[in-house]
Amino acid sequence: MEFIEGNSITAFSNPKNVVISSSKKNKIFGKGPALNKKIIINQRDTLTISGVFQDFPEIVPLKATFF
């Protein structure tokens, strides 16, 4: 997994951190940086973007956009 923002060493250092794909970042935040921004899941859980990874190639069966 290649990181565009953040890094794999600190990305999961906090249970409230989340790593998202480049395409998901563009949908949520546009072209600006997403690192350390907050998102709310299920109207109750606030997560911090700790990394943005390069989208997986089409040949990879994994289609996840966040971890």
Protein backbone atom coordinates (compact mmCIF):
# COMPACT_ATOMS: atom_id res chain seq x y z
CA MET A 1 0.00 0.00 0.00
CA GLU A 2 1.57 3.27 -1.14
CA PHE A 3 0.74 6.32 0.98
CA ILE A 4 0.14 9.71 -0.63
CA GLU A 5 -0.45 11.44 2.73
CA GLY A 6 0.73 10.17 6.11
CA ASN A 7 2.70 6.94 6.55
CA SER A 8 2.19 3.32 7.50
CA ILE A 9 4.16 3.64 10.73
CA THR A 10 1.80 6.11 12.42
CA ALA A 11 -1.41 5.56 10.45
CA PHE A 12 -2.97 3.15 12.96
CA SER A 13 -1.42 4.49 16.17
CA ASN A 14 -4.86 5.51 17.47
CA PRO A 15 -8.06 3.42 17.31
CA LYS A 16 -9.94 6.50 16.07
CA ASN A 17 -7.66 6.87 13.02
CA VAL A 18 -8.71 5.85 9.54
CA VAL A 19 -6.84 5.53 6.25
CA ILE A 20 -8.74 6.27 3.03
CA SER A 21 -8.09 5.81 -0.66
CA SER A 22 -7.15 8.66 -2.95
CA SER A 23 -10.48 8.41 -4.79
CA LYS A 24 -12.44 8.51 -1.50
CA LYS A 25 -10.39 11.55 -0.39
CA ASN A 26 -11.25 13.35 -3.62
CA LYS A 27 -14.97 12.63 -3.13
CA ILE A 28 -14.99 13.86 0.46
CA PHE A 29 -12.38 16.65 0.54
CA GLY A 30 -11.69 17.54 -3.09
CA LYS A 31 -8.14 18.30 -4.20
CA GLY A 32 -6.88 19.66 -0.87
CA PRO A 33 -5.09 17.62 1.79
CA ALA A 34 -7.08 15.28 4.02
CA LEU A 35 -4.46 14.43 6.64
CA ASN A 36 -5.69 15.10 10.21
CA LYS A 37 -9.18 16.11 9.06
CA LYS A 38 -12.19 14.62 10.83
CA ILE A 39 -15.06 12.56 9.45
CA ILE A 40 -18.19 11.45 11.28
CA ILE A 41 -19.45 7.91 10.79
CA ASN A 42 -23.01 6.86 11.69
CA GLN A 43 -23.69 10.34 13.11
CA ARG A 44 -21.75 9.49 16.29
CA ASP A 45 -18.18 8.31 15.71
CA THR A 46 -15.57 10.93 14.83
CA LEU A 47 -12.51 9.52 13.07
CA THR A 48 -9.29 11.27 12.08
CA ILE A 49 -7.81 10.80 8.62
CA SER A 50 -4.30 9.52 9.37
CA GLY A 51 -3.36 8.57 5.83
CA VAL A 52 -4.36 8.52 2.19
CA PHE A 53 -3.27 5.60 0.03
CA GLN A 54 -2.97 5.29 -3.73
CA ASP A 55 -5.98 3.49 -5.23
CA PHE A 56 -5.38 -0.18 -5.92
CA PRO A 57 -4.98 -1.18 -9.57
CA GLU A 58 -8.05 -2.65 -11.27
CA ILE A 59 -6.42 -6.11 -11.36
CA VAL A 60 -6.35 -6.30 -7.54
CA PRO A 61 -9.54 -7.96 -6.26
CA LEU A 62 -9.52 -5.82 -3.06
CA LYS A 63 -11.92 -2.89 -3.56
CA ALA A 64 -11.70 -1.32 -0.09
CA THR A 65 -11.60 2.47 0.06
CA PHE A 66 -10.85 2.86 3.77
CA PHE A 67 -9.32 0.89 6.67
